[in-house]
N, C-alpha and C. Protein backbone atom coordinates (compact mmCIF):
# COMPACT_ATOMS: atom_id res chain seq x y z
N MET A 1 123.96 117.79 78.21
CA MET A 1 123.97 116.68 79.26
C MET A 1 125.05 117.60 79.96
N ARG A 2 124.40 116.81 81.76
CA ARG A 2 124.82 117.48 83.00
C ARG A 2 126.86 117.23 82.49
N TYR A 3 127.19 118.53 82.78
CA TYR A 3 129.12 117.66 83.41
C TYR A 3 128.71 118.03 85.13
N SER A 4 128.22 117.83 85.92
CA SER A 4 128.49 118.08 87.05
C SER A 4 129.12 116.08 87.50
N LYS A 5 128.65 114.90 87.06
CA LYS A 5 128.55 113.95 87.40
C LYS A 5 130.48 113.46 86.74
N ILE A 6 130.61 114.75 86.14
CA ILE A 6 131.36 114.28 84.93
C ILE A 6 133.43 114.60 85.78
N ASN A 7 134.72 113.75 85.93
CA ASN A 7 135.51 113.87 86.46
C ASN A 7 135.84 115.78 85.36
N PRO A 8 136.62 116.36 87.14
CA PRO A 8 137.06 117.77 86.83
C PRO A 8 137.91 118.99 85.20
N ILE A 9 139.04 117.00 85.05
CA ILE A 9 139.94 117.08 83.87
C ILE A 9 139.17 117.36 82.73
N LEU A 10 137.95 116.54 82.58
CA LEU A 10 136.91 116.64 81.96
C LEU A 10 136.37 117.66 80.97
N ARG A 11 135.71 117.97 81.99
CA ARG A 11 134.74 119.85 82.14
C ARG A 11 135.44 120.48 81.64
N ALA A 12 136.91 120.73 82.74
CA ALA A 12 137.05 121.52 82.06
C ALA A 12 138.10 121.07 80.29
N SER A 13 138.20 120.43 79.86
CA SER A 13 138.04 120.69 78.33
C SER A 13 137.47 120.54 77.40
N VAL A 14 136.34 119.94 77.53
CA VAL A 14 134.81 120.03 76.93
C VAL A 14 134.91 121.43 76.50
N SER A 15 135.18 121.88 77.94
CA SER A 15 134.51 123.62 78.49
C SER A 15 135.43 124.25 77.16
N ASN A 16 136.74 124.12 77.12
CA ASN A 16 137.83 124.86 77.15
C ASN A 16 136.86 123.98 75.31
N ILE A 17 137.07 123.58 75.02
CA ILE A 17 137.24 123.63 73.53
C ILE A 17 135.62 124.04 72.75
N ASN A 18 134.20 124.13 73.47
CA ASN A 18 132.84 124.29 73.40
C ASN A 18 133.45 126.20 73.00
N ASP A 19 133.78 126.51 74.22
CA ASP A 19 134.39 128.11 74.57
C ASP A 19 135.60 128.20 73.41
N SER A 20 136.41 128.02 72.46
CA SER A 20 137.89 127.96 71.60
C SER A 20 136.98 129.10 70.82
N ALA A 21 137.74 129.53 70.37
CA ALA A 21 136.60 130.55 69.30
C ALA A 21 137.85 130.05 67.91
N THR A 22 136.90 130.20 67.05
CA THR A 22 137.17 129.26 65.21
C THR A 22 136.35 130.39 63.91
N PRO A 23 136.79 130.20 62.61
CA PRO A 23 136.24 131.06 61.82
C PRO A 23 135.74 129.85 61.48
N SER A 24 134.26 131.37 60.74
CA SER A 24 133.08 130.24 60.92
C SER A 24 134.13 129.85 59.70
N SER A 25 135.01 129.51 58.23
CA SER A 25 135.03 128.97 56.92
C SER A 25 135.26 127.91 57.02
N ILE A 26 135.53 127.69 58.33
CA ILE A 26 135.94 126.56 58.39
C ILE A 26 135.56 125.12 58.35
N THR A 27 135.69 124.40 57.21
CA THR A 27 134.67 123.24 56.40
C THR A 27 135.28 121.69 57.27
N TYR A 28 134.51 120.80 57.79
CA TYR A 28 135.33 119.20 57.08
C TYR A 28 136.30 118.98 56.07
N ALA A 29 136.91 120.04 54.79
CA ALA A 29 137.56 119.64 54.37
C ALA A 29 138.96 119.59 54.76
N TYR A 30 139.23 121.24 56.01
CA TYR A 30 139.70 120.34 57.21
C TYR A 30 140.76 120.42 57.18
N ASN A 31 140.45 119.11 57.95
CA ASN A 31 139.84 117.33 58.28
C ASN A 31 140.95 117.41 57.42
N ILE A 32 141.14 117.20 56.32
CA ILE A 32 142.17 116.05 55.51
C ILE A 32 144.25 115.59 55.98
N GLY A 33 143.65 116.81 56.47
CA GLY A 33 144.96 117.37 57.30
C GLY A 33 145.30 115.90 58.48
N SER A 34 144.81 116.51 59.09
CA SER A 34 144.43 114.76 60.65
C SER A 34 144.86 113.83 59.77
N LEU A 35 143.37 113.89 59.05
CA LEU A 35 143.35 112.38 58.30
C LEU A 35 145.37 111.28 58.31
N LEU A 36 145.79 112.47 57.32
CA LEU A 36 147.10 112.30 55.98
C LEU A 36 147.84 111.62 57.90
N GLY A 37 147.54 112.05 59.39
CA GLY A 37 148.85 112.46 60.07
C GLY A 37 147.77 110.51 61.03
N MET A 38 146.56 109.95 60.74
CA MET A 38 146.25 109.00 61.92
C MET A 38 146.31 108.11 60.65
N LEU A 39 146.66 108.60 59.14
CA LEU A 39 146.63 106.92 58.52
C LEU A 39 148.78 106.83 58.90
N MET A 40 149.43 107.53 58.73
CA MET A 40 150.45 107.22 58.39
C MET A 40 150.64 107.37 59.68
N SER A 41 150.32 107.67 60.71
CA SER A 41 150.85 106.98 62.39
C SER A 41 150.79 105.22 62.18
N ILE A 42 149.53 105.73 61.82
CA ILE A 42 148.32 103.35 61.44
C ILE A 42 150.04 102.61 60.97
N MET A 43 150.40 102.90 59.76
CA MET A 43 151.24 103.28 58.47
C MET A 43 152.59 102.49 59.52
N ILE A 44 152.76 103.51 60.29
CA ILE A 44 154.02 103.62 60.76
C ILE A 44 153.80 101.49 62.14
N ILE A 45 153.01 101.97 61.92
CA ILE A 45 153.22 101.06 64.34
C ILE A 45 153.00 99.47 63.10
N THR A 46 152.00 99.22 61.68
CA THR A 46 151.26 98.37 60.89
C THR A 46 152.44 97.71 59.83
N GLY A 47 154.06 98.05 60.34
CA GLY A 47 154.87 98.73 59.04
C GLY A 47 156.45 97.97 60.49
N ILE A 48 155.98 97.85 62.21
CA ILE A 48 156.90 98.05 62.67
C ILE A 48 156.46 96.52 63.34
N LEU A 49 154.87 96.74 63.22
CA LEU A 49 154.45 94.70 63.47
C LEU A 49 154.86 94.07 62.47
N LEU A 50 155.26 94.50 60.88
CA LEU A 50 155.55 93.19 60.11
C LEU A 50 157.24 92.92 60.49
N ALA A 51 157.50 94.75 60.87
CA ALA A 51 159.49 93.77 60.43
C ALA A 51 160.25 93.30 61.32
N LEU A 52 159.31 93.21 62.70
CA LEU A 52 159.14 91.90 63.36
C LEU A 52 159.81 90.75 63.39
N HIS A 53 158.22 90.16 62.28
CA HIS A 53 158.68 88.83 61.98
C HIS A 53 159.54 89.34 59.77
N TYR A 54 159.39 90.23 59.66
CA TYR A 54 159.57 89.52 58.00
C TYR A 54 161.32 89.78 58.09
N ILE A 55 161.92 88.57 56.92
CA ILE A 55 163.40 88.08 56.70
C ILE A 55 163.77 88.96 55.67
N ALA A 56 164.90 89.77 55.68
CA ALA A 56 164.76 90.47 53.97
C ALA A 56 165.77 89.52 53.78
N SER A 57 166.21 88.49 53.02
CA SER A 57 166.61 87.27 52.34
C SER A 57 166.13 86.40 51.50
N ALA A 58 167.26 87.19 50.19
CA ALA A 58 166.41 86.28 48.88
C ALA A 58 165.68 84.71 49.07
N SER A 59 166.60 84.73 50.25
CA SER A 59 165.57 82.48 49.65
C SER A 59 164.88 82.12 50.14
N THR A 60 164.51 82.98 51.49
CA THR A 60 163.38 83.37 52.92
C THR A 60 162.60 84.75 52.47
N ALA A 61 163.01 86.21 52.22
CA ALA A 61 161.35 86.37 52.26
C ALA A 61 160.46 85.91 51.91
N PHE A 62 159.71 85.41 51.09
CA PHE A 62 158.57 84.13 50.82
C PHE A 62 157.80 83.74 51.67
N ASP A 63 159.12 82.95 52.47
CA ASP A 63 158.52 81.84 53.00
C ASP A 63 158.26 83.24 54.16
N SER A 64 159.41 83.88 54.20
CA SER A 64 159.00 84.82 55.50
C SER A 64 156.70 85.12 55.81
N VAL A 65 156.24 85.67 54.46
CA VAL A 65 155.45 86.71 54.13
C VAL A 65 154.42 84.99 54.52
N ILE A 66 154.97 84.41 53.97
CA ILE A 66 153.72 82.84 54.34
C ILE A 66 153.58 82.72 56.16
N HIS A 67 154.66 83.13 56.15
CA HIS A 67 154.90 82.53 58.15
C HIS A 67 154.21 83.93 58.79
N ILE A 68 153.78 85.14 57.93
CA ILE A 68 152.97 85.97 58.34
C ILE A 68 151.37 86.08 58.81
N MET A 69 151.85 85.35 57.27
CA MET A 69 150.31 85.19 57.17
C MET A 69 149.39 84.70 57.53
N ASN A 70 150.13 83.08 57.90
CA ASN A 70 149.43 81.68 58.13
C ASN A 70 150.10 81.57 59.84
N ASP A 71 151.19 81.77 60.39
CA ASP A 71 151.29 81.65 62.00
C ASP A 71 151.29 83.12 63.03
N ILE A 72 151.33 83.91 62.49
CA ILE A 72 151.16 85.09 63.61
C ILE A 72 149.59 85.37 63.71
N SER A 73 149.15 85.66 65.17
CA SER A 73 147.92 86.29 64.52
C SER A 73 147.34 87.66 64.58
N PHE A 74 146.39 87.59 63.52
CA PHE A 74 146.10 88.17 63.33
C PHE A 74 147.21 89.32 62.33
N GLY A 75 148.24 88.34 61.63
CA GLY A 75 149.38 88.54 60.45
C GLY A 75 147.82 89.27 58.90
N THR A 76 147.52 88.82 58.61
CA THR A 76 146.72 88.51 57.13
C THR A 76 146.54 90.22 57.56
N ILE A 77 145.58 89.93 59.18
CA ILE A 77 144.51 91.60 58.81
C ILE A 77 145.80 92.63 58.99
N ILE A 78 147.63 92.24 59.57
CA ILE A 78 147.84 93.89 59.93
C ILE A 78 148.71 94.06 58.17
N ARG A 79 149.05 92.89 57.47
CA ARG A 79 149.61 93.04 55.99
C ARG A 79 148.66 93.21 55.23
N TYR A 80 146.92 93.10 55.49
CA TYR A 80 146.88 94.07 55.10
C TYR A 80 145.73 94.66 54.90
N CYS A 81 146.25 95.43 56.55
CA CYS A 81 145.53 97.24 56.45
C CYS A 81 146.94 97.93 56.30
N HIS A 82 147.88 97.21 56.57
CA HIS A 82 148.74 98.18 55.86
C HIS A 82 149.02 98.43 54.50
N ALA A 83 148.57 97.50 53.66
CA ALA A 83 149.04 97.66 52.31
C ALA A 83 147.65 98.24 51.34
N ASN A 84 147.10 98.63 52.61
CA ASN A 84 145.46 99.51 51.65
C ASN A 84 145.70 100.83 51.71
N ILE A 85 146.51 101.06 53.45
CA ILE A 85 146.23 101.79 53.51
C ILE A 85 147.63 103.13 52.91
N ALA A 86 148.94 102.45 52.42
CA ALA A 86 149.84 103.26 51.63
C ALA A 86 148.65 103.33 50.60
N SER A 87 147.98 103.39 50.43
CA SER A 87 146.38 103.41 49.00
C SER A 87 145.89 104.45 50.06
N LEU A 88 145.34 104.33 50.29
CA LEU A 88 144.34 105.40 51.31
C LEU A 88 145.32 107.12 51.70
N ILE A 89 146.76 107.28 51.21
CA ILE A 89 146.93 107.89 52.14
C ILE A 89 147.46 108.81 51.22
N PHE A 90 147.67 107.72 49.33
CA PHE A 90 147.98 108.38 48.43
C PHE A 90 146.88 110.14 48.43
N ILE A 91 145.67 109.10 47.94
CA ILE A 91 144.42 109.22 47.79
C ILE A 91 144.19 110.72 49.15
N SER A 92 144.25 110.30 49.74
CA SER A 92 144.13 111.74 51.43
C SER A 92 145.22 112.62 50.51
N LEU A 93 146.42 112.68 50.74
CA LEU A 93 147.45 113.10 50.19
C LEU A 93 146.98 114.05 48.79
N TYR A 94 145.79 113.78 48.00
CA TYR A 94 145.66 114.14 46.56
C TYR A 94 144.90 114.78 46.99
N ALA A 95 143.94 114.33 47.49
CA ALA A 95 142.65 115.22 47.70
C ALA A 95 143.07 116.89 49.29
N HIS A 96 144.30 116.39 49.67
CA HIS A 96 144.89 117.51 50.98
C HIS A 96 145.02 118.72 49.34
N ILE A 97 145.67 118.21 48.58
CA ILE A 97 146.81 119.03 47.47
C ILE A 97 145.17 119.73 47.67
N THR A 98 144.13 119.25 47.40
CA THR A 98 144.04 119.80 45.82
C THR A 98 142.41 120.56 46.87
N ARG A 99 142.87 120.34 48.01
CA ARG A 99 141.66 121.10 48.34
C ARG A 99 142.46 122.76 49.02
N ASN A 100 143.69 123.12 48.77
CA ASN A 100 144.71 123.88 49.15
C ASN A 100 144.85 124.95 47.86
N ILE A 101 144.53 123.86 47.33
CA ILE A 101 145.30 124.44 45.82
C ILE A 101 143.55 125.12 45.46
N TYR A 102 142.93 124.60 45.98
CA TYR A 102 141.11 124.90 46.17
C TYR A 102 140.64 126.51 46.55
N TYR A 103 140.91 126.33 47.97
CA TYR A 103 141.80 127.90 48.99
C TYR A 103 142.03 128.46 48.57
N SER A 104 143.11 128.52 47.92
CA SER A 104 144.66 129.19 47.96
C SER A 104 144.90 129.59 49.20
N SER A 105 145.12 128.76 49.96
CA SER A 105 146.51 128.26 50.83
C SER A 105 147.37 129.06 51.08
N PHE A 106 147.71 128.96 49.64
CA PHE A 106 149.69 128.99 49.24
C PHE A 106 149.79 130.50 49.09
N ARG A 107 148.76 131.97 49.04
CA ARG A 107 148.59 132.94 48.26
C ARG A 107 149.40 133.36 49.98
N ALA A 108 149.71 134.72 49.85
CA ALA A 108 150.51 135.83 51.09
C ALA A 108 148.51 135.91 51.85
N PRO A 109 148.71 136.24 53.11
CA PRO A 109 150.64 135.78 54.01
C PRO A 109 151.16 134.90 53.84
N ARG A 110 150.54 134.02 53.90
CA ARG A 110 151.00 132.12 53.68
C ARG A 110 152.22 131.28 52.45
N THR A 111 152.74 132.93 52.33
CA THR A 111 153.54 132.44 51.05
C THR A 111 155.15 131.74 52.17
N SER A 112 155.21 131.01 52.47
CA SER A 112 155.94 129.75 52.58
C SER A 112 155.36 128.29 52.73
N THR A 113 154.18 128.12 52.64
CA THR A 113 153.75 126.91 52.65
C THR A 113 154.18 127.55 51.45
């Protein structure tokens, strides 16, 4: 790919990524922490969107959920996305902890983790 037609900021960032030194022992398992961060940010965004329309009253809580599901644009998708990402966070968290135990990330010189 020729970088001459790409803007200079993108060209500089691509060359910085290509030239940075990385250890040869990095595997795809190191991306689990980034996946957890991405899932958590999506969970926060969908939670805020759901909280805008939810009424926390014993008599109207169920009706507000029905309102979110039926009357709000993409309300069903946002609610199910929020619920499923909660499960994915726990799966990713267990995978992240398992990777840290497998690679002994808790041993010296990283005793603070």
